[in-house]
N, C-alpha and C. Protein backbone atom coordinates (compact mmCIF):
# COMPACT_ATOMS: atom_id res chain seq x y z
N UNK A 1 16.02 -18.12 2.90
CA UNK A 1 14.23 -17.18 3.09
C UNK A 1 13.08 -18.67 3.12
N UNK A 2 11.83 -18.53 3.27
CA UNK A 2 10.91 -18.93 2.70
C UNK A 2 10.01 -18.63 2.54
N UNK A 3 9.11 -18.15 1.47
CA UNK A 3 7.90 -17.55 1.47
C UNK A 3 7.11 -18.73 1.02
N UNK A 4 5.59 -18.93 1.73
CA UNK A 4 4.79 -19.95 1.07
C UNK A 4 5.14 -21.37 1.32
N UNK A 5 5.80 -21.87 1.86
CA UNK A 5 6.97 -22.94 1.78
C UNK A 5 7.82 -23.50 1.01
N UNK A 6 8.40 -22.91 0.60
CA UNK A 6 8.68 -22.45 -0.98
C UNK A 6 10.45 -22.08 -0.04
N UNK A 7 11.65 -22.56 -0.78
CA UNK A 7 12.84 -21.88 0.01
C UNK A 7 13.53 -20.94 -1.60
N UNK A 8 14.45 -19.66 -0.85
CA UNK A 8 14.12 -18.91 -1.72
C UNK A 8 15.96 -18.95 -1.76
N UNK A 9 16.96 -19.49 -2.10
CA UNK A 9 18.36 -19.56 -2.27
C UNK A 9 18.92 -19.47 -3.29
N UNK A 10 20.48 -18.91 -3.50
CA UNK A 10 20.56 -18.01 -4.61
C UNK A 10 20.06 -17.94 -5.76
N UNK A 11 19.43 -16.50 -5.30
CA UNK A 11 18.48 -15.74 -5.97
C UNK A 11 19.35 -14.73 -6.80
N UNK A 12 18.31 -14.47 -7.91
CA UNK A 12 19.31 -13.68 -9.69
C UNK A 12 19.27 -12.88 -8.63
N UNK A 13 19.76 -11.38 -9.47
CA UNK A 13 20.34 -10.16 -8.57
C UNK A 13 18.39 -9.50 -9.97
N UNK A 14 18.48 -8.08 -8.79
CA UNK A 14 17.07 -7.54 -9.17
C UNK A 14 17.56 -6.18 -9.76
N UNK A 15 17.57 -5.89 -11.09
CA UNK A 15 17.79 -4.91 -11.77
C UNK A 15 16.91 -3.68 -10.87
N UNK A 16 18.24 -2.20 -10.42
CA UNK A 16 17.83 -2.00 -9.42
C UNK A 16 18.16 -0.47 -10.32
N UNK A 17 17.89 -0.34 -12.02
CA UNK A 17 18.14 0.70 -12.34
C UNK A 17 17.08 1.81 -12.32
N UNK A 18 16.04 1.94 -11.58
CA UNK A 18 15.51 2.38 -11.64
C UNK A 18 15.03 3.62 -10.53
N UNK A 19 15.78 3.47 -9.27
CA UNK A 19 16.70 3.61 -8.70
C UNK A 19 15.28 4.49 -8.05
N UNK A 20 14.17 3.59 -7.41
CA UNK A 20 13.14 4.18 -6.68
C UNK A 20 13.39 4.21 -5.33
N UNK A 21 14.43 3.30 -5.07
CA UNK A 21 14.37 3.94 -3.12
C UNK A 21 13.79 2.98 -2.46
N UNK A 22 13.47 3.37 -1.31
CA UNK A 22 13.26 2.37 -0.12
C UNK A 22 11.73 2.65 0.02
N UNK A 23 11.37 4.07 -0.46
CA UNK A 23 10.32 5.11 0.81
C UNK A 23 9.34 4.52 -0.16
N UNK A 24 8.42 5.31 0.48
CA UNK A 24 6.06 5.45 -0.22
C UNK A 24 6.50 5.63 -1.51
N UNK A 25 6.04 4.96 -2.47
CA UNK A 25 5.64 5.09 -3.36
C UNK A 25 4.58 6.25 -4.69
N UNK A 26 3.58 6.54 -3.07
CA UNK A 26 2.83 7.62 -2.96
C UNK A 26 2.82 8.20 -1.69
N UNK A 27 2.40 9.13 -1.36
CA UNK A 27 3.20 10.72 -0.45
C UNK A 27 1.75 9.71 0.42
N UNK A 28 2.27 10.02 1.67
CA UNK A 28 1.67 9.29 2.82
C UNK A 28 0.56 10.44 3.16
N UNK A 29 0.36 11.88 3.36
CA UNK A 29 -0.48 12.25 3.21
C UNK A 29 -1.90 12.65 2.38
N UNK A 30 -1.57 11.72 1.42
CA UNK A 30 -3.08 11.00 0.45
C UNK A 30 -3.21 10.14 0.89
N UNK A 31 -2.68 8.89 1.22
CA UNK A 31 -3.33 7.75 1.64
C UNK A 31 -4.40 7.68 2.44
N UNK A 32 -4.76 8.29 3.41
CA UNK A 32 -6.60 8.32 4.24
C UNK A 32 -6.84 8.13 3.43
N UNK A 33 -8.44 7.60 3.63
CA UNK A 33 -9.45 6.74 3.14
C UNK A 33 -8.94 6.39 1.41
N UNK A 34 -8.38 6.24 0.73
CA UNK A 34 -8.08 5.58 -0.03
C UNK A 34 -7.53 4.31 -0.12
N UNK A 35 -7.70 3.51 -1.33
CA UNK A 35 -7.56 2.32 -1.38
C UNK A 35 -6.14 2.41 -1.94
N UNK A 36 -5.50 1.03 -1.92
CA UNK A 36 -4.40 0.59 -3.41
C UNK A 36 -4.74 -0.92 -3.54
N UNK A 37 -4.55 -0.86 -4.84
CA UNK A 37 -4.79 -1.84 -5.46
C UNK A 37 -3.28 -2.17 -5.87
N UNK A 38 -2.75 -3.34 -6.03
CA UNK A 38 -1.22 -4.38 -6.34
C UNK A 38 -1.87 -4.80 -6.90
N UNK A 39 -1.52 -5.51 -8.05
CA UNK A 39 -1.44 -6.09 -9.48
C UNK A 39 0.11 -6.93 -9.90
N UNK A 40 -0.22 -7.21 -10.41
CA UNK A 40 0.97 -8.17 -10.84
C UNK A 40 1.60 -7.87 -12.22
N UNK A 41 2.94 -7.96 -12.84
CA UNK A 41 3.35 -7.19 -13.90
C UNK A 41 2.74 -8.40 -15.17
N UNK A 42 2.30 -8.01 -15.92
CA UNK A 42 2.40 -9.44 -16.74
C UNK A 42 2.98 -10.15 -17.82
N UNK A 43 2.85 -11.17 -18.56
CA UNK A 43 4.21 -11.87 -19.19
C UNK A 43 3.63 -10.88 -20.87
N UNK A 44 2.70 -10.50 -20.81
CA UNK A 44 2.36 -9.85 -22.46
C UNK A 44 2.53 -8.38 -22.35
N UNK A 45 3.93 -8.01 -23.16
CA UNK A 45 3.86 -6.34 -22.78
C UNK A 45 3.95 -5.61 -24.50
N UNK A 46 3.68 -4.46 -24.25
CA UNK A 46 3.85 -3.99 -25.56
C UNK A 46 5.29 -3.89 -26.24
N UNK A 47 4.98 -4.27 -27.44
CA UNK A 47 7.04 -4.37 -28.06
C UNK A 47 7.26 -3.09 -28.49
N UNK A 48 6.81 -2.01 -28.43
CA UNK A 48 7.28 -0.91 -28.82
C UNK A 48 8.47 -0.05 -28.14
N UNK A 49 9.69 0.63 -28.76
CA UNK A 49 10.42 0.00 -28.17
C UNK A 49 10.55 1.61 -27.15
N UNK A 50 11.67 2.13 -26.44
CA UNK A 50 11.59 3.26 -25.29
C UNK A 50 10.47 2.79 -23.99
N UNK A 51 11.06 3.96 -23.33
CA UNK A 51 10.12 3.61 -22.27
C UNK A 51 8.88 3.75 -22.08
N UNK A 52 7.87 3.23 -21.68
CA UNK A 52 6.33 4.05 -21.63
C UNK A 52 6.41 3.83 -20.34
N UNK A 53 4.81 4.08 -19.87
CA UNK A 53 4.40 3.84 -18.38
C UNK A 53 4.16 2.56 -18.31
N UNK A 54 4.37 2.08 -16.71
CA UNK A 54 3.99 0.65 -16.76
C UNK A 54 3.24 0.26 -16.99
N UNK A 55 1.42 0.45 -16.66
CA UNK A 55 0.31 0.65 -16.73
C UNK A 55 0.19 0.11 -18.19
N UNK A 56 0.75 1.08 -19.02
CA UNK A 56 0.31 1.08 -20.92
C UNK A 56 1.75 -0.16 -21.61
N UNK A 57 2.30 -0.41 -20.95
CA UNK A 57 3.44 -1.28 -21.49
C UNK A 57 2.85 -2.64 -20.74
N UNK A 58 2.00 -3.15 -20.04
CA UNK A 58 1.29 -4.65 -20.08
C UNK A 58 0.57 -4.88 -20.55
N UNK A 59 -0.10 -5.96 -21.31
CA UNK A 59 -1.26 -5.50 -21.89
C UNK A 59 -1.98 -6.98 -21.81
N UNK A 60 -1.26 -7.71 -21.35
CA UNK A 60 -2.08 -8.91 -20.45
C UNK A 60 -3.52 -8.93 -19.96
N UNK A 61 -4.24 -10.12 -19.64
CA UNK A 61 -5.41 -10.08 -20.07
C UNK A 61 -6.16 -9.38 -18.41
N UNK A 62 -5.84 -9.26 -17.11
CA UNK A 62 -5.71 -8.58 -16.43
C UNK A 62 -5.52 -6.54 -16.92
N UNK A 63 -4.77 -6.42 -17.16
CA UNK A 63 -4.38 -5.15 -17.71
C UNK A 63 -5.84 -4.83 -19.04
N UNK A 64 -5.63 -5.79 -19.95
CA UNK A 64 -7.27 -5.56 -20.49
C UNK A 64 -7.99 -5.35 -20.17
N UNK A 65 -8.39 -5.67 -18.94
CA UNK A 65 -9.86 -5.54 -18.45
C UNK A 65 -9.68 -4.73 -17.52
N UNK A 66 -8.83 -3.99 -16.25
CA UNK A 66 -8.74 -2.61 -16.32
C UNK A 66 -8.58 -2.07 -17.36
N UNK A 67 -8.38 -1.84 -18.38
CA UNK A 67 -8.28 -0.27 -19.16
C UNK A 67 -9.74 -0.46 -20.06
N UNK A 68 -10.12 -1.66 -20.15
CA UNK A 68 -11.64 -2.00 -20.60
C UNK A 68 -12.39 -0.95 -19.24
N UNK A 69 -12.62 -1.10 -18.05
CA UNK A 69 -13.47 -1.38 -17.28
C UNK A 69 -13.13 -0.09 -16.57
N UNK A 70 -12.07 -0.16 -16.07
CA UNK A 70 -10.96 1.20 -16.27
C UNK A 70 -10.90 1.12 -14.20
N UNK A 71 -10.04 1.60 -13.69
CA UNK A 71 -9.42 1.90 -12.26
C UNK A 71 -10.03 2.77 -11.73
N UNK A 72 -10.82 2.94 -10.41
CA UNK A 72 -11.88 4.03 -10.21
C UNK A 72 -10.26 5.33 -9.71
N UNK A 73 -9.80 6.08 -10.07
CA UNK A 73 -8.93 7.09 -10.57
C UNK A 73 -9.09 7.94 -8.75
N UNK A 74 -10.35 8.03 -8.61
CA UNK A 74 -10.59 8.96 -6.98
C UNK A 74 -9.92 8.55 -5.82
N UNK A 75 -10.35 7.22 -5.52
CA UNK A 75 -9.96 7.06 -4.13
C UNK A 75 -8.99 5.69 -4.37
N UNK A 76 -8.71 4.91 -5.76
CA UNK A 76 -7.72 3.82 -6.11
C UNK A 76 -6.17 4.32 -5.98
N UNK A 77 -5.49 4.49 -5.75
CA UNK A 77 -3.76 4.24 -6.42
C UNK A 77 -3.42 2.98 -6.47
N UNK A 78 -3.12 2.47 -7.83
CA UNK A 78 -2.32 1.65 -8.60
C UNK A 78 -1.20 1.13 -8.70
N UNK A 79 -0.12 -0.18 -7.98
CA UNK A 79 1.39 -0.42 -7.88
C UNK A 79 1.16 -1.45 -8.86
N UNK A 80 2.02 -1.73 -9.17
CA UNK A 80 2.63 -3.18 -9.79
C UNK A 80 3.64 -3.62 -8.99
N UNK A 81 3.40 -5.40 -8.77
CA UNK A 81 4.80 -5.81 -8.46
C UNK A 81 5.13 -6.66 -9.98
N UNK A 82 6.09 -5.74 -10.24
CA UNK A 82 7.13 -5.97 -11.14
C UNK A 82 8.33 -7.45 -10.42
N UNK A 83 8.22 -8.47 -11.59
CA UNK A 83 9.47 -9.34 -11.16
C UNK A 83 10.42 -8.62 -11.20
N UNK A 84 11.09 -7.32 -12.71
CA UNK A 84 12.06 -7.11 -12.74
C UNK A 84 12.35 -5.76 -12.14
N UNK A 85 11.36 -4.99 -11.96
CA UNK A 85 11.73 -4.01 -10.98
C UNK A 85 11.32 -4.11 -9.66
N UNK A 86 11.04 -4.65 -9.12
CA UNK A 86 9.83 -4.78 -7.65
C UNK A 86 8.60 -3.81 -7.99
N UNK A 87 8.32 -3.10 -7.06
CA UNK A 87 7.01 -2.53 -6.58
C UNK A 87 7.17 -1.12 -7.35
N UNK A 88 6.61 -1.03 -8.44
CA UNK A 88 6.54 -0.02 -9.23
C UNK A 88 5.30 1.36 -9.29
N UNK A 89 5.48 2.16 -9.36
CA UNK A 89 3.79 2.74 -9.86
C UNK A 89 3.61 2.45 -11.21
N UNK A 90 1.92 2.79 -10.97
CA UNK A 90 1.80 2.59 -12.47
C UNK A 90 2.04 3.52 -14.10
N UNK A 91 2.52 4.31 -13.50
CA UNK A 91 3.34 5.81 -14.06
C UNK A 91 4.55 5.45 -14.28
N UNK A 92 5.33 4.74 -13.81
CA UNK A 92 6.80 4.35 -13.85
C UNK A 92 7.06 3.83 -14.98
N UNK A 93 7.98 5.11 -16.09
CA UNK A 93 8.40 4.52 -17.03
C UNK A 93 9.20 3.54 -17.08
N UNK A 94 8.71 2.70 -18.29
CA UNK A 94 10.21 1.46 -18.11
C UNK A 94 10.10 0.65 -19.95
N UNK A 95 11.18 0.45 -19.55
CA UNK A 95 11.17 -0.48 -21.27
C UNK A 95 10.45 -1.79 -21.57
N UNK A 96 10.48 -2.68 -22.51
CA UNK A 96 10.01 -4.00 -22.29
C UNK A 96 11.04 -4.46 -22.19
N UNK A 97 10.85 -6.20 -21.63
CA UNK A 97 11.56 -6.51 -20.73
C UNK A 97 10.93 -7.77 -21.03
N UNK A 98 11.62 -8.89 -20.54
CA UNK A 98 10.95 -10.67 -20.39
C UNK A 98 11.51 -11.00 -19.47
N UNK A 99 11.31 -10.68 -17.73
CA UNK A 99 11.26 -11.75 -16.61
C UNK A 99 10.24 -12.38 -16.07
N UNK A 100 9.80 -13.50 -15.56
CA UNK A 100 8.57 -13.91 -14.97
C UNK A 100 9.66 -14.20 -13.50
N UNK A 101 8.66 -14.00 -12.41
CA UNK A 101 8.30 -14.11 -11.27
C UNK A 101 8.91 -15.59 -10.90
N UNK A 102 9.93 -15.96 -10.23
CA UNK A 102 10.36 -17.13 -9.81
C UNK A 102 10.53 -17.19 -8.33
N UNK A 103 11.32 -18.42 -7.92
CA UNK A 103 11.30 -18.64 -6.79
C UNK A 103 12.69 -17.83 -6.33
N UNK A 104 13.52 -17.52 -7.75
CA UNK A 104 14.60 -16.56 -7.29
C UNK A 104 14.78 -15.35 -7.16
N UNK A 105 13.88 -14.93 -7.96
CA UNK A 105 13.38 -13.49 -7.96
C UNK A 105 12.73 -13.43 -6.47
N UNK A 106 11.68 -13.89 -6.70
CA UNK A 106 10.55 -13.75 -5.48
C UNK A 106 11.54 -14.02 -4.03
N UNK A 107 12.66 -14.77 -4.09
CA UNK A 107 13.56 -14.44 -3.34
C UNK A 107 15.05 -13.24 -2.54
N UNK A 108 14.83 -13.01 -4.16
CA UNK A 108 16.39 -12.07 -4.11
C UNK A 108 15.60 -10.47 -3.80
N UNK A 109 13.87 -10.50 -4.65
CA UNK A 109 13.90 -9.24 -3.57
C UNK A 109 13.17 -8.85 -2.46
N UNK A 110 13.30 -10.16 -1.49
CA UNK A 110 12.35 -10.57 0.23
C UNK A 110 14.11 -9.93 0.50
N UNK A 111 15.06 -10.22 -0.16
CA UNK A 111 16.75 -10.07 1.03
C UNK A 111 17.06 -9.01 0.30
N UNK A 112 16.63 -7.74 -0.70
CA UNK A 112 16.66 -6.08 -0.58
C UNK A 112 16.08 -5.65 0.58
N UNK A 113 16.93 -4.56 1.32
CA UNK A 113 16.26 -3.93 2.28
C UNK A 113 15.19 -3.32 1.68
N UNK A 114 15.86 -2.43 0.47
CA UNK A 114 15.34 -0.87 -0.13
C UNK A 114 13.79 -1.77 -0.75
N UNK A 115 13.76 -2.86 -1.31
CA UNK A 115 12.40 -3.44 -2.28
C UNK A 115 11.89 -3.59 -0.99
N UNK A 116 11.90 -4.40 -0.33
CA UNK A 116 10.78 -4.70 1.64
C UNK A 116 10.36 -3.26 1.97
N UNK A 117 11.27 -2.52 1.84
CA UNK A 117 10.97 -1.10 3.27
C UNK A 117 9.61 -0.54 2.03
N UNK A 118 10.01 -0.68 0.77
CA UNK A 118 9.55 0.41 -0.40
C UNK A 118 8.32 -0.33 -0.57
N UNK A 119 7.99 -1.87 -0.67
CA UNK A 119 6.67 -2.33 0.01
C UNK A 119 5.76 -2.34 0.89
N UNK A 120 6.45 -2.25 1.94
CA UNK A 120 5.94 -1.83 3.50
C UNK A 120 5.45 -0.16 2.84
N UNK A 121 6.67 0.57 3.36
CA UNK A 121 5.99 1.76 2.73
C UNK A 121 5.11 2.02 2.24
N UNK A 122 4.88 2.20 0.96
CA UNK A 122 3.66 2.26 0.29
C UNK A 122 2.67 1.85 0.94
N UNK A 123 1.99 0.29 1.29
CA UNK A 123 1.30 0.52 2.10
C UNK A 123 0.53 0.80 3.21
N UNK A 124 1.73 0.94 3.51
CA UNK A 124 1.38 1.90 5.20
C UNK A 124 0.50 2.79 5.01
N UNK A 125 -0.49 2.78 5.60
CA UNK A 125 -1.42 3.79 5.87
C UNK A 125 -2.90 4.12 5.02
N UNK A 126 -2.52 3.52 4.23
CA UNK A 126 -4.05 3.30 3.20
C UNK A 126 -5.04 2.45 4.45
N UNK A 127 -6.63 3.07 3.75
CA UNK A 127 -7.56 2.26 5.05
C UNK A 127 -7.46 0.48 4.11
N UNK A 128 -7.31 0.45 2.89
CA UNK A 128 -7.63 -1.39 2.28
C UNK A 128 -6.17 -1.38 1.12
N UNK A 129 -6.13 -2.43 1.17
CA UNK A 129 -4.61 -2.98 0.15
C UNK A 129 -5.12 -4.40 -0.05
N UNK A 130 -5.46 -4.17 -1.31
CA UNK A 130 -5.81 -5.52 -2.02
C UNK A 130 -4.41 -5.69 -3.08
N UNK A 131 -4.32 -7.47 -4.00
CA UNK A 131 -2.78 -7.73 -4.06
C UNK A 131 -4.00 -9.03 -4.75
N UNK A 132 -3.17 -9.12 -5.94
CA UNK A 132 -3.26 -9.01 -7.48
C UNK A 132 -2.47 -10.30 -7.72
N UNK A 133 -2.12 -11.39 -8.26
CA UNK A 133 -1.15 -11.96 -8.46
C UNK A 133 -1.19 -13.21 -8.39
N UNK A 134 0.09 -14.17 -8.93
CA UNK A 134 0.58 -15.70 -8.29
C UNK A 134 0.79 -15.93 -7.37
N UNK A 135 0.50 -16.58 -6.99
CA UNK A 135 1.48 -16.93 -5.03
C UNK A 135 2.71 -16.60 -4.84
N UNK A 136 3.04 -16.81 -6.50
CA UNK A 136 4.82 -16.18 -5.86
C UNK A 136 4.98 -14.05 -5.67
N UNK A 137 4.55 -13.92 -6.67
CA UNK A 137 4.08 -11.64 -6.73
C UNK A 137 3.37 -12.11 -5.35
N UNK A 138 2.21 -12.19 -4.94
CA UNK A 138 1.16 -12.00 -4.01
C UNK A 138 2.25 -12.33 -2.38
N UNK A 139 3.02 -13.52 -2.36
CA UNK A 139 3.78 -13.67 -1.35
C UNK A 139 4.93 -13.06 -0.93
N UNK A 140 5.46 -12.18 -2.03
CA UNK A 140 5.97 -11.65 -1.97
C UNK A 140 5.96 -10.04 -1.05
N UNK A 141 4.84 -9.97 -1.53
CA UNK A 141 4.24 -8.89 -1.06
C UNK A 141 3.89 -9.09 0.49
N UNK A 142 3.11 -10.07 0.90
CA UNK A 142 2.41 -10.28 2.37
C UNK A 142 3.86 -10.64 3.18
N UNK A 143 4.92 -10.89 3.05
CA UNK A 143 6.03 -10.88 3.36
C UNK A 143 6.81 -9.87 3.83
N UNK A 144 6.76 -8.74 2.84
CA UNK A 144 7.30 -7.24 2.90
C UNK A 144 6.09 -7.17 4.00
N UNK A 145 4.79 -7.55 4.13
CA UNK A 145 4.21 -6.42 4.66
C UNK A 145 3.81 -6.39 6.16
N UNK A 146 4.72 -7.41 6.70
CA UNK A 146 4.19 -8.49 7.51
C UNK A 146 2.97 -8.10 8.43
N UNK A 147 2.86 -7.51 9.47
CA UNK A 147 1.49 -7.15 10.54
C UNK A 147 0.83 -7.00 9.52
N UNK A 148 0.39 -5.96 8.43
CA UNK A 148 -0.44 -4.74 7.95
C UNK A 148 -0.78 -5.29 7.18
N UNK A 149 -2.17 -5.55 7.31
CA UNK A 149 -3.39 -6.42 6.66
C UNK A 149 -3.96 -6.28 5.31
N UNK A 150 -3.35 -7.17 4.47
CA UNK A 150 -3.96 -7.23 2.82
C UNK A 150 -5.27 -7.74 2.19
N UNK A 151 -6.05 -7.39 1.47
CA UNK A 151 -6.80 -8.66 1.17
C UNK A 151 -6.25 -9.04 0.23
N UNK A 152 -6.76 -10.49 -0.21
CA UNK A 152 -6.01 -11.25 -1.69
C UNK A 152 -6.99 -11.58 -2.47
N UNK A 153 -6.73 -10.75 -3.76
CA UNK A 153 -7.85 -10.63 -4.55
C UNK A 153 -7.50 -12.27 -5.68
N UNK A 154 -8.83 -12.88 -6.01
CA UNK A 154 -7.86 -14.20 -6.69
C UNK A 154 -9.83 -13.65 -8.14
N UNK A 155 -9.17 -13.96 -9.46
CA UNK A 155 -9.59 -13.73 -10.25
C UNK A 155 -10.57 -15.10 -10.42
N UNK A 156 -11.91 -14.89 -10.85
CA UNK A 156 -12.84 -16.29 -10.77
C UNK A 156 -12.30 -16.39 -12.38
N UNK A 157 -11.84 -16.99 -13.03
CA UNK A 157 -11.22 -17.88 -13.91
C UNK A 157 -12.04 -18.17 -15.20
N UNK A 158 -13.33 -18.88 -14.47
CA UNK A 158 -14.16 -19.46 -15.41
C UNK A 158 -15.47 -18.29 -15.97
N UNK A 159 -15.52 -17.55 -14.97
CA UNK A 159 -17.10 -16.15 -15.44
C UNK A 159 -15.38 -15.16 -16.11
N UNK A 160 -14.55 -15.53 -15.49
CA UNK A 160 -13.58 -14.40 -16.87
C UNK A 160 -13.45 -14.73 -18.16
N UNK A 161 -13.24 -15.64 -18.67
CA UNK A 161 -13.98 -16.81 -19.45
C UNK A 161 -15.00 -16.51 -20.18
N UNK A 162 -16.01 -16.54 -20.21
CA UNK A 162 -17.46 -16.12 -19.92
C UNK A 162 -17.88 -14.61 -20.76
N UNK A 163 -17.04 -14.64 -19.71
CA UNK A 163 -17.57 -12.29 -20.13
C UNK A 163 -15.90 -12.41 -21.11
N UNK A 164 -15.55 -12.82 -21.84
CA UNK A 164 -14.50 -12.68 -22.73
C UNK A 164 -12.86 -12.29 -22.26
N UNK A 165 -12.62 -12.33 -20.90
CA UNK A 165 -11.99 -11.15 -20.39
C UNK A 165 -10.61 -11.74 -20.14
N UNK A 166 -10.99 -12.61 -20.21
CA UNK A 166 -10.04 -14.00 -20.40
C UNK A 166 -9.37 -15.14 -21.41
N UNK A 167 -8.35 -15.45 -21.90
CA UNK A 167 -8.25 -16.72 -22.83
C UNK A 167 -8.97 -18.26 -22.62
N UNK A 168 -9.62 -18.40 -22.79
CA UNK A 168 -9.98 -19.91 -22.65
C UNK A 168 -9.29 -21.08 -22.51
N UNK A 169 -7.89 -20.50 -23.13
CA UNK A 169 -6.76 -22.23 -23.25
C UNK A 169 -5.63 -21.99 -21.69
N UNK A 170 -5.94 -20.93 -20.92
CA UNK A 170 -5.50 -20.95 -19.89
C UNK A 170 -4.48 -19.77 -19.53
N UNK A 171 -4.46 -18.99 -20.97
CA UNK A 171 -3.45 -17.59 -21.18
C UNK A 171 -3.40 -16.50 -20.24
N UNK A 172 -4.28 -16.77 -18.69
CA UNK A 172 -3.68 -15.74 -17.57
C UNK A 172 -2.69 -15.87 -16.99
N UNK A 173 -1.79 -15.29 -16.70
CA UNK A 173 -1.15 -15.21 -16.23
C UNK A 173 -0.43 -13.70 -15.76
N UNK A 174 0.92 -14.00 -14.80
CA UNK A 174 1.54 -12.51 -14.97
C UNK A 174 2.79 -13.51 -15.44
N UNK A 175 4.00 -12.39 -15.26
CA UNK A 175 5.18 -12.03 -16.07
C UNK A 175 5.81 -10.94 -16.32
C-alpha cells in the first residue's frame, strides 16, 4: 500500500481494544447541515492515570488552541485521528499512551478494513469535512475517504507563534 509516495509494508498492529467497529462515529441522521473537523492526536498528553475523554487527554498546541478558542459545538462534530486507536470521537475514553504515527502504523490503518470503513462511514454525509495534521495522519484519512471531498487545513506556523498558540522552537506536532 502507498500513501503520498510512501510505501507501508510490514506495518505494526493497531490496537483494537476500544472495539469501535467499522460504522460511523456519528449518527448519519444528524450529519446534514453540519461540518466534521478531523484533527490528529498530539504527542503531548495529560499523564493522569485511567481513562479520560480524548479531547482532554491530548494537550498539544492544536488542542490548547481549540480549548482556548473553542469548537463551534452547534454545527461542528470533532473526530480525532489517533496513531494508536484510529479515528475516534472527542469523547472516546482513552488511557495515556505514547505512539506516534509513522509509515508502518499508517499502512496498517489502511490495511484494516474496519478502520478504513470507520473513516469513510464517519465522513460520509457531512456538508464539509476539514482535516488537520501531518501528511501521514491526513494521508490515512484521504486514502480511506476515496472520492469523498475533504478540505485540508494547514496551520500558519509563523502567525501561530506570534499569537502564542505554538512554541517557537518547532514544538508543534502530532503524536
